[in-house]
Amino acid sequence: MDVLADLLGGLSTALSPQNLLYAFIGCLLGTLIGVLPGIGPVAGVALLIPLTLNLDATSAIIMLAAIFYGTQYGGTITSVLLNTPGEAASAITTIDGYAMTRQGRAGVALTIAALGSFVGGTVATIGLVIAAKPLGDLGLRIGPPEFFALMVLGISLLVALAGRSMTRALISGVLGLLISMVGIDPVAGAPRFTFGSERLLDGISFVAVIIGLFGLSEILTTARGGTAHAVAPGLRALLPRRTDLRRSAPAWACPSSPGR
């Protein structure tokens, strides 16, 4: 009962008009920051921390959380419109989102992405509040054997995702492993594949690789001949149809469990 009372008290505090205003401002600012490729949620929160110095602790945490969520959605905007993810979590959005943009349905793609982010984030937050203690106990039990098993599982997924070309999948997997090995060995503390460069001691940023892969390919495609994007006329064309919402519902349910 004490836990339930604390949760209800926190919910009433979070839903106060003042904190809702801070959440709206934080989400808006986070979205503007997230549109800039390469910054990401963590850097976006760090950049906007000075805005919360004069706020009380509760309002500051709410605003920073809103900035974090807004930054993640901001990366989706460039993924859909420019085929360039603003941060790593938005990389997969480029596959279907940019395809809808080329069909003249950019507004529908952005609306579906916003609804999916809201549903997934809300359900995941509620689930985290309920399962925080069991997940914390489980996290303390995870050690090197479990991490190794997860790595083997990730590599094994290459077989499932290979499609018709196993050779391409193996080459992509080997290149990914080589890129991830650049930096400092966490066990021996010795540099690996840095070739004497101090800039490579921290490894290669995953965000930089994702932005380079998608952004550079779009630049080369545009430079070669350009792509004509159809324009959706009218406000009604910016709103998803019932069929779009029905087809998107399973995709919204899947990210709710990991928290996206």
Protein backbone atom coordinates (compact mmCIF):
# COMPACT_ATOMS: atom_id res chain seq x y z
CA MET A 1 0.00 0.00 0.00
CA ASP A 2 2.88 2.35 0.74
CA VAL A 3 4.28 1.82 -2.76
CA LEU A 4 0.88 2.45 -4.34
CA ALA A 5 0.42 5.61 -2.28
CA ASP A 6 3.86 6.85 -3.36
CA LEU A 7 3.04 6.16 -7.02
CA LEU A 8 -0.26 8.00 -6.81
CA GLY A 9 1.43 10.93 -5.08
CA GLY A 10 4.10 11.09 -7.77
CA LEU A 11 1.47 10.88 -10.51
CA SER A 12 -0.53 13.75 -9.02
CA THR A 13 2.64 15.84 -8.83
CA ALA A 14 3.62 15.06 -12.41
CA LEU A 15 0.14 15.95 -13.72
CA SER A 16 0.06 19.37 -12.09
CA PRO A 17 -0.37 22.24 -14.60
CA GLN A 18 3.08 23.65 -13.85
CA ASN A 19 4.89 20.35 -14.42
CA LEU A 20 2.84 19.62 -17.54
CA LEU A 21 3.98 22.99 -18.91
CA TYR A 22 7.61 22.11 -18.17
CA ALA A 23 7.10 18.75 -19.85
CA PHE A 24 5.67 20.43 -22.96
CA ILE A 25 8.53 22.94 -23.14
CA GLY A 26 11.11 20.20 -22.61
CA CYS A 27 9.58 18.00 -25.29
CA LEU A 28 9.49 20.91 -27.76
CA LEU A 29 13.11 21.87 -27.10
CA GLY A 30 14.19 18.23 -27.23
CA THR A 31 12.52 17.79 -30.60
CA LEU A 32 14.35 20.82 -31.98
CA ILE A 33 17.66 19.45 -30.69
CA GLY A 34 16.92 15.96 -31.99
CA VAL A 35 16.47 17.23 -35.53
CA LEU A 36 20.20 18.00 -35.60
CA PRO A 37 21.94 14.78 -36.71
CA GLY A 38 24.58 13.34 -34.40
CA ILE A 39 23.66 15.05 -31.13
CA GLY A 40 21.44 12.37 -29.62
CA PRO A 41 19.36 12.29 -26.42
CA VAL A 42 22.26 12.24 -23.94
CA ALA A 43 24.06 15.21 -25.49
CA GLY A 44 20.74 17.02 -25.91
CA VAL A 45 19.95 16.66 -22.21
CA ALA A 46 23.47 17.80 -21.31
CA LEU A 47 23.15 20.90 -23.50
CA LEU A 48 19.82 21.92 -21.94
CA ILE A 49 20.67 21.24 -18.29
CA PRO A 50 21.30 24.98 -17.62
CA LEU A 51 17.60 25.65 -18.32
CA THR A 52 16.66 23.63 -15.23
CA LEU A 53 19.04 25.23 -12.72
CA ASN A 54 16.37 27.55 -11.30
CA LEU A 55 13.68 24.86 -11.09
CA ASP A 56 12.91 22.63 -8.14
CA ALA A 57 14.15 19.05 -8.28
CA THR A 58 10.85 17.49 -9.36
CA SER A 59 10.18 19.96 -12.17
CA ALA A 60 13.79 19.73 -13.35
CA ILE A 61 13.65 15.93 -13.59
CA ILE A 62 10.33 16.09 -15.47
CA MET A 63 11.69 18.64 -17.92
CA LEU A 64 14.91 16.67 -18.51
CA ALA A 65 12.90 13.49 -19.10
CA ALA A 66 10.72 15.36 -21.61
CA ILE A 67 13.84 16.66 -23.35
CA PHE A 68 15.15 13.09 -23.60
CA TYR A 69 11.93 11.79 -25.16
CA GLY A 70 11.63 14.81 -27.45
CA THR A 71 15.19 14.36 -28.68
CA GLN A 72 14.48 10.75 -29.58
CA TYR A 73 11.45 11.76 -31.64
CA GLY A 74 13.37 14.63 -33.24
CA GLY A 75 15.74 12.09 -34.76
CA THR A 76 12.74 10.48 -36.42
CA ILE A 77 11.96 13.66 -38.37
CA THR A 78 15.23 13.61 -40.29
CA SER A 79 14.91 9.84 -40.75
CA VAL A 80 11.55 10.26 -42.46
CA LEU A 81 12.21 13.43 -44.44
CA LEU A 82 15.92 13.19 -45.31
CA ASN A 83 16.74 9.48 -44.97
CA THR A 84 19.32 10.50 -42.34
CA PRO A 85 18.67 9.35 -38.75
CA GLY A 86 19.25 11.99 -36.11
CA GLU A 87 20.33 9.35 -33.59
CA ALA A 88 20.84 5.59 -33.42
CA ALA A 89 17.34 4.71 -32.22
CA SER A 90 15.81 6.30 -35.34
CA ALA A 91 17.91 4.38 -37.83
CA ILE A 92 15.29 1.72 -38.52
CA THR A 93 12.68 4.43 -39.17
CA THR A 94 14.43 5.36 -42.40
CA ILE A 95 13.43 2.09 -44.06
CA ASP A 96 9.66 2.63 -44.12
CA GLY A 97 9.49 6.32 -43.19
CA TYR A 98 11.55 7.59 -46.10
CA ALA A 99 9.73 5.25 -48.49
CA MET A 100 6.46 6.89 -47.44
CA THR A 101 8.04 10.32 -47.99
CA ARG A 102 8.87 9.39 -51.57
CA GLN A 103 5.22 8.41 -52.00
CA GLY A 104 4.09 11.83 -50.80
CA ARG A 105 2.99 10.61 -47.35
CA ALA A 106 5.62 12.23 -45.15
CA GLY A 107 2.99 13.74 -42.85
CA VAL A 108 1.37 10.35 -42.31
CA ALA A 109 4.75 8.80 -41.52
CA LEU A 110 5.57 11.50 -38.97
CA THR A 111 2.15 11.17 -37.34
CA ILE A 112 2.43 7.39 -37.08
CA ALA A 113 5.95 7.72 -35.67
CA ALA A 114 4.76 10.24 -33.07
CA LEU A 115 1.85 8.04 -32.01
CA GLY A 116 4.12 5.01 -31.86
CA SER A 117 6.66 6.85 -29.72
CA PHE A 118 3.91 8.02 -27.36
CA VAL A 119 2.28 4.61 -27.01
CA GLY A 120 5.56 2.74 -26.67
CA GLY A 121 7.05 5.21 -24.22
CA THR A 122 3.92 5.38 -22.06
CA VAL A 123 3.42 1.62 -21.85
CA ALA A 124 7.12 1.02 -21.23
CA THR A 125 7.22 3.63 -18.46
CA ILE A 126 4.24 2.07 -16.71
CA GLY A 127 5.79 -1.37 -17.08
CA LEU A 128 9.11 -0.14 -15.72
CA VAL A 129 7.42 1.33 -12.65
CA ILE A 130 5.68 -1.98 -11.98
CA ALA A 131 8.66 -4.25 -12.73
CA ALA A 132 11.53 -2.04 -11.54
CA LYS A 133 12.43 -4.14 -8.50
CA PRO A 134 12.34 -7.56 -10.25
CA LEU A 135 14.34 -6.16 -13.16
CA GLY A 136 16.89 -4.69 -10.75
CA ASP A 137 17.33 -8.05 -9.03
CA LEU A 138 17.68 -9.75 -12.41
CA GLY A 139 20.26 -7.22 -13.56
CA LEU A 140 22.47 -7.98 -10.58
CA ARG A 141 22.57 -11.65 -11.58
CA ILE A 142 23.71 -11.00 -15.15
CA GLY A 143 27.41 -11.67 -15.53
CA PRO A 144 29.99 -12.50 -18.24
CA PRO A 145 28.32 -15.81 -19.25
CA GLU A 146 25.02 -14.07 -19.91
CA PHE A 147 26.72 -11.28 -21.88
CA PHE A 148 28.52 -13.90 -23.97
CA ALA A 149 25.23 -15.68 -24.65
CA LEU A 150 23.66 -12.40 -25.79
CA MET A 151 26.58 -11.77 -28.14
CA VAL A 152 26.25 -15.26 -29.62
CA LEU A 153 22.52 -14.67 -30.06
CA GLY A 154 23.18 -11.40 -31.87
CA ILE A 155 25.65 -13.03 -34.23
CA SER A 156 23.28 -15.96 -34.80
CA LEU A 157 20.57 -13.54 -35.92
CA LEU A 158 22.69 -12.87 -39.01
CA VAL A 159 21.58 -16.25 -40.30
CA ALA A 160 17.91 -15.36 -39.86
CA LEU A 161 18.35 -11.92 -41.44
CA ALA A 162 20.63 -13.05 -44.24
CA GLY A 163 17.83 -13.63 -46.71
CA ARG A 164 19.05 -15.04 -49.99
CA SER A 165 22.66 -13.89 -49.67
CA MET A 166 24.52 -15.54 -46.81
CA THR A 167 27.80 -14.13 -48.12
CA ARG A 168 26.64 -10.54 -47.72
CA ALA A 169 25.39 -11.25 -44.21
CA LEU A 170 28.71 -12.80 -43.16
CA ILE A 171 30.71 -9.95 -44.68
CA SER A 172 28.51 -7.39 -42.93
CA GLY A 173 28.85 -9.25 -39.63
CA VAL A 174 32.64 -9.45 -39.88
CA LEU A 175 32.89 -5.74 -40.75
CA GLY A 176 30.66 -4.88 -37.80
CA LEU A 177 32.80 -6.95 -35.44
CA LEU A 178 35.99 -5.32 -36.73
CA ILE A 179 34.55 -1.82 -36.28
CA SER A 180 33.35 -2.63 -32.75
CA MET A 181 36.83 -3.86 -31.77
CA VAL A 182 38.44 -0.49 -32.41
CA GLY A 183 39.45 1.19 -29.14
CA ILE A 184 40.75 0.08 -25.76
CA ASP A 185 40.58 -3.59 -24.79
CA PRO A 186 38.38 -3.65 -21.64
CA VAL A 187 40.33 -6.62 -20.22
CA ALA A 188 43.97 -5.98 -21.11
CA GLY A 189 43.70 -2.19 -21.38
CA ALA A 190 45.70 -2.22 -24.62
CA PRO A 191 44.68 -0.27 -27.75
CA ARG A 192 43.22 -2.31 -30.60
CA PHE A 193 43.22 -1.29 -34.26
CA THR A 194 43.90 2.36 -33.41
CA PHE A 195 47.00 2.58 -35.64
CA GLY A 196 48.57 5.13 -33.29
CA SER A 197 45.63 7.55 -33.50
CA GLU A 198 44.44 8.99 -30.19
CA ARG A 199 41.03 9.79 -31.68
CA LEU A 200 40.31 6.08 -32.07
CA LEU A 201 41.03 5.23 -28.43
CA ASP A 202 37.35 5.74 -27.55
CA GLY A 203 36.26 3.56 -30.45
CA ILE A 204 34.06 4.45 -33.41
CA SER A 205 30.75 6.08 -32.55
CA PHE A 206 27.75 4.01 -33.56
CA VAL A 207 25.76 7.18 -34.23
CA ALA A 208 28.44 8.48 -36.60
CA VAL A 209 28.45 5.19 -38.52
CA ILE A 210 24.65 5.13 -38.85
CA ILE A 211 24.44 8.77 -39.97
CA GLY A 212 27.27 8.22 -42.43
CA LEU A 213 25.71 5.10 -43.95
CA PHE A 214 22.27 6.59 -44.47
CA GLY A 215 23.21 10.23 -45.02
CA LEU A 216 26.07 9.60 -47.43
CA SER A 217 24.00 7.20 -49.52
CA GLU A 218 21.23 9.81 -49.82
CA ILE A 219 23.74 12.51 -50.81
CA LEU A 220 25.23 10.28 -53.51
CA THR A 221 21.77 9.35 -54.81
CA THR A 222 20.74 13.00 -55.01
CA ALA A 223 24.02 14.01 -56.66
CA ARG A 224 23.69 11.29 -59.27
CA GLY A 225 20.30 12.33 -60.53
CA GLY A 226 18.08 13.51 -57.74
CA THR A 227 14.84 12.03 -56.52
CA ALA A 228 11.46 13.61 -57.00
CA HIS A 229 9.31 13.54 -53.87
CA ALA A 230 5.58 13.70 -54.34
CA VAL A 231 3.86 16.36 -52.26
CA ALA A 232 0.75 15.42 -50.31
CA PRO A 233 -1.85 18.18 -50.81
CA GLY A 234 -4.12 19.33 -48.02
CA LEU A 235 -4.25 18.73 -44.30
CA ARG A 236 -6.30 15.55 -44.63
CA ALA A 237 -3.42 13.87 -46.49
CA LEU A 238 -1.20 14.48 -43.46
CA LEU A 239 -3.42 12.39 -41.18
CA PRO A 240 -3.25 8.57 -41.17
CA ARG A 241 -6.22 6.56 -42.34
CA ARG A 242 -7.89 3.89 -40.25
CA THR A 243 -6.12 1.22 -42.24
CA ASP A 244 -2.78 2.88 -41.47
CA LEU A 245 -3.55 2.91 -37.75
CA ARG A 246 -4.73 -0.69 -37.82
CA ARG A 247 -1.59 -1.85 -39.62
CA SER A 248 0.63 0.16 -37.29
CA ALA A 249 -0.89 -1.19 -34.06
CA PRO A 250 1.27 -4.37 -33.93
CA ALA A 251 4.39 -2.30 -34.56
CA TRP A 252 3.45 0.02 -31.68
CA ALA A 253 2.97 -2.96 -29.36
CA CYS A 254 6.40 -4.44 -30.11
CA PRO A 255 8.51 -1.42 -28.99
CA SER A 256 6.44 -1.08 -25.81
CA SER A 257 8.24 -4.01 -24.18
CA PRO A 258 11.85 -2.79 -24.64
CA GLY A 259 10.81 0.79 -23.97
CA ARG A 260 10.93 2.66 -27.25
